[in-house]
Amino acid sequence: MDASTTPYHLRHSFASLLLAEGKQPLYVAKQLGHSLAVLIDTYAHLIDEYEEAERVDPEAEIAAAREIACTTGVRRAAV
């Protein structure tokens, strides 16, 4: 994990990918251990943005991030 990557960043990325995939906010809140109110307060801007956007392929996003990490020399944890 890069020194600038924190557990907060990983959780935010996880939540963002779930919302981008079209998962319901209540489902995402439960995955994060948040109340729906906390999720909406934190991620409302993404919910609005993703409502209008094309759905993303989370696997493709993860693969692209790994490719960037490999080409820039950022080490990743074994999966």
PDB file of N, CA and C in Angstrom:
ATOM      1  N   MET A   1       0.852  -1.169   0.000  1.00  0.00           N
ATOM      2  CA  MET A   1       0.000   0.000   0.000  1.00  0.00           C
ATOM      3  C   MET A   1       0.900   1.235   0.000  1.00  0.00           C
ATOM      4  N   ASP A   2       0.602   2.139  -0.862  1.00  0.00           N
ATOM      5  CA  ASP A   2       1.330   3.398  -0.962  1.00  0.00           C
ATOM      6  C   ASP A   2       1.172   4.172   0.346  1.00  0.00           C
ATOM      7  N   ALA A   3       2.192   4.927   0.722  1.00  0.00           N
ATOM      8  CA  ALA A   3       2.151   5.678   1.979  1.00  0.00           C
ATOM      9  C   ALA A   3       1.003   6.676   2.000  1.00  0.00           C
ATOM     10  N   SER A   4       0.579   7.161   0.835  1.00  0.00           N
ATOM     11  CA  SER A   4      -0.528   8.119   0.800  1.00  0.00           C
ATOM     12  C   SER A   4      -1.885   7.429   0.786  1.00  0.00           C
ATOM     13  N   THR A   5      -1.906   6.111   0.653  1.00  0.00           N
ATOM     14  CA  THR A   5      -3.157   5.365   0.678  1.00  0.00           C
ATOM     15  C   THR A   5      -3.452   4.956   2.115  1.00  0.00           C
ATOM     16  N   THR A   6      -4.619   5.329   2.577  1.00  0.00           N
ATOM     17  CA  THR A   6      -5.019   5.021   3.950  1.00  0.00           C
ATOM     18  C   THR A   6      -6.259   4.135   3.926  1.00  0.00           C
ATOM     19  N   PRO A   7      -6.592   3.514   5.049  1.00  0.00           N
ATOM     20  CA  PRO A   7      -7.843   2.752   5.100  1.00  0.00           C
ATOM     21  C   PRO A   7      -9.061   3.606   4.707  1.00  0.00           C
ATOM     22  N   TYR A   8      -9.030   4.887   5.068  1.00  0.00           N
ATOM     23  CA  TYR A   8     -10.122   5.786   4.677  1.00  0.00           C
ATOM     24  C   TYR A   8     -10.258   5.840   3.157  1.00  0.00           C
ATOM     25  N   HIS A   9      -9.131   5.975   2.466  1.00  0.00           N
ATOM     26  CA  HIS A   9      -9.166   6.029   1.000  1.00  0.00           C
ATOM     27  C   HIS A   9      -9.715   4.738   0.417  1.00  0.00           C
ATOM     28  N   LEU A  10      -9.319   3.611   0.985  1.00  0.00           N
ATOM     29  CA  LEU A  10      -9.805   2.329   0.493  1.00  0.00           C
ATOM     30  C   LEU A  10     -11.309   2.191   0.711  1.00  0.00           C
ATOM     31  N   ARG A  11     -11.794   2.603   1.880  1.00  0.00           N
ATOM     32  CA  ARG A  11     -13.236   2.548   2.144  1.00  0.00           C
ATOM     33  C   ARG A  11     -13.997   3.477   1.200  1.00  0.00           C
ATOM     34  N   HIS A  12     -13.448   4.667   0.973  1.00  0.00           N
ATOM     35  CA  HIS A  12     -14.097   5.626   0.076  1.00  0.00           C
ATOM     36  C   HIS A  12     -14.154   5.058  -1.348  1.00  0.00           C
ATOM     37  N   SER A  13     -13.080   4.448  -1.785  1.00  0.00           N
ATOM     38  CA  SER A  13     -13.058   3.830  -3.114  1.00  0.00           C
ATOM     39  C   SER A  13     -14.068   2.697  -3.203  1.00  0.00           C
ATOM     40  N   PHE A  14     -14.135   1.873  -2.165  1.00  0.00           N
ATOM     41  CA  PHE A  14     -15.087   0.767  -2.125  1.00  0.00           C
ATOM     42  C   PHE A  14     -16.516   1.292  -2.241  1.00  0.00           C
ATOM     43  N   ALA A  15     -16.849   2.290  -1.440  1.00  0.00           N
ATOM     44  CA  ALA A  15     -18.194   2.867  -1.479  1.00  0.00           C
ATOM     45  C   ALA A  15     -18.478   3.493  -2.832  1.00  0.00           C
ATOM     46  N   SER A  16     -17.505   4.204  -3.371  1.00  0.00           N
ATOM     47  CA  SER A  16     -17.685   4.855  -4.675  1.00  0.00           C
ATOM     48  C   SER A  16     -17.935   3.837  -5.774  1.00  0.00           C
ATOM     49  N   LEU A  17     -17.182   2.741  -5.763  1.00  0.00           N
ATOM     50  CA  LEU A  17     -17.384   1.704  -6.781  1.00  0.00           C
ATOM     51  C   LEU A  17     -18.745   1.033  -6.637  1.00  0.00           C
ATOM     52  N   LEU A  18     -19.174   0.784  -5.422  1.00  0.00           N
ATOM     53  CA  LEU A  18     -20.500   0.191  -5.235  1.00  0.00           C
ATOM     54  C   LEU A  18     -21.593   1.114  -5.761  1.00  0.00           C
ATOM     55  N   LEU A  19     -21.489   2.395  -5.456  1.00  0.00           N
ATOM     56  CA  LEU A  19     -22.482   3.355  -5.936  1.00  0.00           C
ATOM     57  C   LEU A  19     -22.427   3.493  -7.450  1.00  0.00           C
ATOM     58  N   ALA A  20     -21.222   3.509  -8.005  1.00  0.00           N
ATOM     59  CA  ALA A  20     -21.070   3.619  -9.459  1.00  0.00           C
ATOM     60  C   ALA A  20     -21.636   2.396 -10.167  1.00  0.00           C
ATOM     61  N   GLU A  21     -21.562   1.259  -9.497  1.00  0.00           N
ATOM     62  CA  GLU A  21     -22.095   0.022 -10.063  1.00  0.00           C
ATOM     63  C   GLU A  21     -23.620   0.019 -10.029  1.00  0.00           C
ATOM     64  N   GLY A  22     -24.209   0.937  -9.289  1.00  0.00           N
ATOM     65  CA  GLY A  22     -25.657   1.027  -9.222  1.00  0.00           C
ATOM     66  C   GLY A  22     -26.276   0.372  -8.006  1.00  0.00           C
ATOM     67  N   LYS A  23     -25.440   0.014  -7.028  1.00  0.00           N
ATOM     68  CA  LYS A  23     -25.974  -0.575  -5.800  1.00  0.00           C
ATOM     69  C   LYS A  23     -26.814   0.465  -5.060  1.00  0.00           C
ATOM     70  N   GLN A  24     -27.837  -0.004  -4.386  1.00  0.00           N
ATOM     71  CA  GLN A  24     -28.716   0.879  -3.626  1.00  0.00           C
ATOM     72  C   GLN A  24     -27.963   1.479  -2.438  1.00  0.00           C
ATOM     73  N   PRO A  25     -28.222   2.752  -2.125  1.00  0.00           N
ATOM     74  CA  PRO A  25     -27.527   3.389  -1.006  1.00  0.00           C
ATOM     75  C   PRO A  25     -27.667   2.637   0.316  1.00  0.00           C
ATOM     76  N   LEU A  26     -28.814   2.064   0.596  1.00  0.00           N
ATOM     77  CA  LEU A  26     -28.976   1.327   1.848  1.00  0.00           C
ATOM     78  C   LEU A  26     -28.032   0.124   1.896  1.00  0.00           C
ATOM     79  N   TYR A  27     -27.871  -0.570   0.773  1.00  0.00           N
ATOM     80  CA  TYR A  27     -26.943  -1.702   0.691  1.00  0.00           C
ATOM     81  C   TYR A  27     -25.513  -1.231   0.968  1.00  0.00           C
ATOM     82  N   VAL A  28     -25.123  -0.123   0.335  1.00  0.00           N
ATOM     83  CA  VAL A  28     -23.767   0.413   0.509  1.00  0.00           C
ATOM     84  C   VAL A  28     -23.553   0.827   1.964  1.00  0.00           C
ATOM     85  N   ALA A  29     -24.548   1.480   2.548  1.00  0.00           N
ATOM     86  CA  ALA A  29     -24.440   1.896   3.954  1.00  0.00           C
ATOM     87  C   ALA A  29     -24.209   0.692   4.862  1.00  0.00           C
ATOM     88  N   LYS A  30     -24.948  -0.379   4.615  1.00  0.00           N
ATOM     89  CA  LYS A  30     -24.781  -1.582   5.437  1.00  0.00           C
ATOM     90  C   LYS A  30     -23.396  -2.185   5.250  1.00  0.00           C
ATOM     91  N   GLN A  31     -22.874  -2.176   4.029  1.00  0.00           N
ATOM     92  CA  GLN A  31     -21.538  -2.716   3.772  1.00  0.00           C
ATOM     93  C   GLN A  31     -20.466  -1.945   4.544  1.00  0.00           C
ATOM     94  N   LEU A  32     -20.686  -0.643   4.692  1.00  0.00           N
ATOM     95  CA  LEU A  32     -19.712   0.209   5.375  1.00  0.00           C
ATOM     96  C   LEU A  32     -19.948   0.305   6.878  1.00  0.00           C
ATOM     97  N   GLY A  33     -21.078  -0.202   7.340  1.00  0.00           N
ATOM     98  CA  GLY A  33     -21.413  -0.070   8.753  1.00  0.00           C
ATOM     99  C   GLY A  33     -21.912   1.317   9.103  1.00  0.00           C
ATOM    100  N   HIS A  34     -22.414   2.039   8.098  1.00  0.00           N
ATOM    101  CA  HIS A  34     -22.955   3.381   8.293  1.00  0.00           C
ATOM    102  C   HIS A  34     -24.470   3.327   8.376  1.00  0.00           C
ATOM    103  N   SER A  35     -25.033   4.375   8.924  1.00  0.00           N
ATOM    104  CA  SER A  35     -26.469   4.564   8.774  1.00  0.00           C
ATOM    105  C   SER A  35     -26.682   5.150   7.373  1.00  0.00           C
ATOM    106  N   LEU A  36     -27.904   5.060   6.891  1.00  0.00           N
ATOM    107  CA  LEU A  36     -28.206   5.644   5.590  1.00  0.00           C
ATOM    108  C   LEU A  36     -27.960   7.151   5.608  1.00  0.00           C
ATOM    109  N   ALA A  37     -28.274   7.795   6.730  1.00  0.00           N
ATOM    110  CA  ALA A  37     -28.073   9.247   6.845  1.00  0.00           C
ATOM    111  C   ALA A  37     -26.599   9.623   6.703  1.00  0.00           C
ATOM    112  N   VAL A  38     -25.703   8.848   7.323  1.00  0.00           N
ATOM    113  CA  VAL A  38     -24.265   9.130   7.215  1.00  0.00           C
ATOM    114  C   VAL A  38     -23.799   8.917   5.781  1.00  0.00           C
ATOM    115  N   LEU A  39     -24.260   7.837   5.154  1.00  0.00           N
ATOM    116  CA  LEU A  39     -23.865   7.580   3.770  1.00  0.00           C
ATOM    117  C   LEU A  39     -24.313   8.722   2.863  1.00  0.00           C
ATOM    118  N   ILE A  40     -25.561   9.143   2.991  1.00  0.00           N
ATOM    119  CA  ILE A  40     -26.081  10.221   2.148  1.00  0.00           C
ATOM    120  C   ILE A  40     -25.303  11.503   2.394  1.00  0.00           C
ATOM    121  N   ASP A  41     -25.008  11.791   3.657  1.00  0.00           N
ATOM    122  CA  ASP A  41     -24.272  13.007   3.990  1.00  0.00           C
ATOM    123  C   ASP A  41     -22.872  12.994   3.369  1.00  0.00           C
ATOM    124  N   THR A  42     -22.246  11.825   3.359  1.00  0.00           N
ATOM    125  CA  THR A  42     -20.873  11.710   2.872  1.00  0.00           C
ATOM    126  C   THR A  42     -20.786  11.557   1.355  1.00  0.00           C
ATOM    127  N   TYR A  43     -21.725  10.818   0.772  1.00  0.00           N
ATOM    128  CA  TYR A  43     -21.618  10.434  -0.636  1.00  0.00           C
ATOM    129  C   TYR A  43     -22.724  10.994  -1.524  1.00  0.00           C
ATOM    130  N   ALA A  44     -23.500  11.970  -1.046  1.00  0.00           N
ATOM    131  CA  ALA A  44     -24.611  12.510  -1.832  1.00  0.00           C
ATOM    132  C   ALA A  44     -24.143  13.008  -3.201  1.00  0.00           C
ATOM    133  N   HIS A  45     -22.980  13.639  -3.245  1.00  0.00           N
ATOM    134  CA  HIS A  45     -22.483  14.158  -4.524  1.00  0.00           C
ATOM    135  C   HIS A  45     -22.254  13.030  -5.532  1.00  0.00           C
ATOM    136  N   LEU A  46     -21.806  11.875  -5.047  1.00  0.00           N
ATOM    137  CA  LEU A  46     -21.588  10.744  -5.948  1.00  0.00           C
ATOM    138  C   LEU A  46     -22.902  10.121  -6.383  1.00  0.00           C
ATOM    139  N   ILE A  47     -23.850  10.039  -5.466  1.00  0.00           N
ATOM    140  CA  ILE A  47     -25.140   9.462  -5.803  1.00  0.00           C
ATOM    141  C   ILE A  47     -25.786  10.280  -6.919  1.00  0.00           C
ATOM    142  N   ASP A  48     -25.754  11.599  -6.792  1.00  0.00           N
ATOM    143  CA  ASP A  48     -26.302  12.462  -7.840  1.00  0.00           C
ATOM    144  C   ASP A  48     -25.546  12.274  -9.145  1.00  0.00           C
ATOM    145  N   GLU A  49     -24.233  12.227  -9.068  1.00  0.00           N
ATOM    146  CA  GLU A  49     -23.393  12.093 -10.264  1.00  0.00           C
ATOM    147  C   GLU A  49     -23.638  10.765 -10.972  1.00  0.00           C
ATOM    148  N   TYR A  50     -23.691   9.678 -10.221  1.00  0.00           N
ATOM    149  CA  TYR A  50     -23.836   8.350 -10.810  1.00  0.00           C
ATOM    150  C   TYR A  50     -25.245   8.067 -11.301  1.00  0.00           C
ATOM    151  N   GLU A  51     -26.227   8.787 -10.771  1.00  0.00           N
ATOM    152  CA  GLU A  51     -27.605   8.591 -11.213  1.00  0.00           C
ATOM    153  C   GLU A  51     -27.729   8.906 -12.703  1.00  0.00           C
ATOM    154  N   GLU A  52     -26.987   9.895 -13.156  1.00  0.00           N
ATOM    155  CA  GLU A  52     -27.049  10.343 -14.552  1.00  0.00           C
ATOM    156  C   GLU A  52     -26.031   9.639 -15.447  1.00  0.00           C
ATOM    157  N   ALA A  53     -25.013   9.064 -14.876  1.00  0.00           N
ATOM    158  CA  ALA A  53     -23.893   8.516 -15.648  1.00  0.00           C
ATOM    159  C   ALA A  53     -24.139   7.065 -16.052  1.00  0.00           C
ATOM    160  N   GLU A  54     -23.332   6.624 -17.008  1.00  0.00           N
ATOM    161  CA  GLU A  54     -23.321   5.210 -17.365  1.00  0.00           C
ATOM    162  C   GLU A  54     -22.791   4.414 -16.185  1.00  0.00           C
ATOM    163  N   ARG A  55     -23.253   3.205 -16.052  1.00  0.00           N
ATOM    164  CA  ARG A  55     -22.746   2.339 -14.993  1.00  0.00           C
ATOM    165  C   ARG A  55     -21.321   1.929 -15.335  1.00  0.00           C
ATOM    166  N   VAL A  56     -20.477   1.901 -14.328  1.00  0.00           N
ATOM    167  CA  VAL A  56     -19.092   1.488 -14.541  1.00  0.00           C
ATOM    168  C   VAL A  56     -18.959  -0.002 -14.274  1.00  0.00           C
ATOM    169  N   ASP A  57     -17.932  -0.566 -14.836  1.00  0.00           N
ATOM    170  CA  ASP A  57     -17.596  -1.964 -14.588  1.00  0.00           C
ATOM    171  C   ASP A  57     -16.526  -1.965 -13.500  1.00  0.00           C
ATOM    172  N   PRO A  58     -16.888  -2.331 -12.270  1.00  0.00           N
ATOM    173  CA  PRO A  58     -15.910  -2.261 -11.181  1.00  0.00           C
ATOM    174  C   PRO A  58     -14.658  -3.080 -11.442  1.00  0.00           C
ATOM    175  N   GLU A  59     -14.809  -4.241 -12.068  1.00  0.00           N
ATOM    176  CA  GLU A  59     -13.631  -5.073 -12.361  1.00  0.00           C
ATOM    177  C   GLU A  59     -12.686  -4.350 -13.317  1.00  0.00           C
ATOM    178  N   ALA A  60     -13.244  -3.652 -14.303  1.00  0.00           N
ATOM    179  CA  ALA A  60     -12.411  -2.898 -15.241  1.00  0.00           C
ATOM    180  C   ALA A  60     -11.708  -1.738 -14.532  1.00  0.00           C
ATOM    181  N   GLU A  61     -12.407  -1.082 -13.603  1.00  0.00           N
ATOM    182  CA  GLU A  61     -11.802   0.014 -12.848  1.00  0.00           C
ATOM    183  C   GLU A  61     -10.651  -0.488 -11.982  1.00  0.00           C
ATOM    184  N   ILE A  62     -10.852  -1.614 -11.344  1.00  0.00           N
ATOM    185  CA  ILE A  62      -9.808  -2.196 -10.502  1.00  0.00           C
ATOM    186  C   ILE A  62      -8.610  -2.606 -11.355  1.00  0.00           C
ATOM    187  N   ALA A  63      -8.875  -3.235 -12.507  1.00  0.00           N
ATOM    188  CA  ALA A  63      -7.789  -3.640 -13.407  1.00  0.00           C
ATOM    189  C   ALA A  63      -7.006  -2.420 -13.893  1.00  0.00           C
ATOM    190  N   ALA A  64      -7.711  -1.341 -14.219  1.00  0.00           N
ATOM    191  CA  ALA A  64      -7.035  -0.119 -14.673  1.00  0.00           C
ATOM    192  C   ALA A  64      -6.166   0.466 -13.559  1.00  0.00           C
ATOM    193  N   ALA A  65      -6.679   0.455 -12.325  1.00  0.00           N
ATOM    194  CA  ALA A  65      -5.894   0.974 -11.193  1.00  0.00           C
ATOM    195  C   ALA A  65      -4.658   0.116 -10.964  1.00  0.00           C
ATOM    196  N   ARG A  66      -4.809  -1.203 -11.106  1.00  0.00           N
ATOM    197  CA  ARG A  66      -3.646  -2.086 -10.941  1.00  0.00           C
ATOM    198  C   ARG A  66      -2.616  -1.844 -12.035  1.00  0.00           C
ATOM    199  N   GLU A  67      -3.080  -1.608 -13.240  1.00  0.00           N
ATOM    200  CA  GLU A  67      -2.163  -1.333 -14.359  1.00  0.00           C
ATOM    201  C   GLU A  67      -1.367  -0.056 -14.088  1.00  0.00           C
ATOM    202  N   ILE A  68      -2.047   0.960 -13.617  1.00  0.00           N
ATOM    203  CA  ILE A  68      -1.369   2.217 -13.282  1.00  0.00           C
ATOM    204  C   ILE A  68      -0.348   1.977 -12.176  1.00  0.00           C
ATOM    205  N   ALA A  69      -0.746   1.217 -11.161  1.00  0.00           N
ATOM    206  CA  ALA A  69       0.167   0.931 -10.052  1.00  0.00           C
ATOM    207  C   ALA A  69       1.392   0.173 -10.537  1.00  0.00           C
ATOM    208  N   CYS A  70       1.200  -0.772 -11.457  1.00  0.00           N
ATOM    209  CA  CYS A  70       2.330  -1.558 -11.966  1.00  0.00           C
ATOM    210  C   CYS A  70       3.273  -0.705 -12.803  1.00  0.00           C
ATOM    211  N   THR A  71       2.718   0.194 -13.592  1.00  0.00           N
ATOM    212  CA  THR A  71       3.569   0.992 -14.465  1.00  0.00           C
ATOM    213  C   THR A  71       4.251   2.132 -13.715  1.00  0.00           C
ATOM    214  N   THR A  72       3.722   2.511 -12.554  1.00  0.00           N
ATOM    215  CA  THR A  72       4.351   3.574 -11.793  1.00  0.00           C
ATOM    216  C   THR A  72       5.193   3.041 -10.640  1.00  0.00           C
ATOM    217  N   GLY A  73       5.226   1.717 -10.494  1.00  0.00           N
ATOM    218  CA  GLY A  73       6.065   1.126  -9.472  1.00  0.00           C
ATOM    219  C   GLY A  73       5.435   1.096  -8.088  1.00  0.00           C
ATOM    220  N   VAL A  74       4.148   1.387  -7.994  1.00  0.00           N
ATOM    221  CA  VAL A  74       3.473   1.320  -6.695  1.00  0.00           C
ATOM    222  C   VAL A  74       3.217  -0.145  -6.379  1.00  0.00           C
ATOM    223  N   ARG A  75       3.658  -0.546  -5.207  1.00  0.00           N
ATOM    224  CA  ARG A  75       3.492  -1.944  -4.796  1.00  0.00           C
ATOM    225  C   ARG A  75       2.091  -2.124  -4.242  1.00  0.00           C
ATOM    226  N   ARG A  76       1.512  -3.277  -4.514  1.00  0.00           N
ATOM    227  CA  ARG A  76       0.186  -3.575  -3.969  1.00  0.00           C
ATOM    228  C   ARG A  76       0.282  -4.837  -3.124  1.00  0.00           C
ATOM    229  N   ALA A  77      -0.651  -4.947  -2.221  1.00  0.00           N
ATOM    230  CA  ALA A  77      -0.697  -6.119  -1.346  1.00  0.00           C
ATOM    231  C   ALA A  77      -1.112  -7.338  -2.143  1.00  0.00           C
ATOM    232  N   ALA A  78      -0.644  -8.493  -1.740  1.00  0.00           N
ATOM    233  CA  ALA A  78      -1.040  -9.739  -2.398  1.00  0.00           C
ATOM    234  C   ALA A  78      -2.514  -9.964  -2.188  1.00  0.00           C
ATOM    235  N   VAL A  79      -3.167 -10.431  -3.231  1.00  0.00           N
ATOM    236  CA  VAL A  79      -4.613 -10.665  -3.172  1.00  0.00           C
ATOM    237  C   VAL A  79      -4.884 -12.132  -3.032  1.00  0.00           C
TER     238      VAL A  79
END
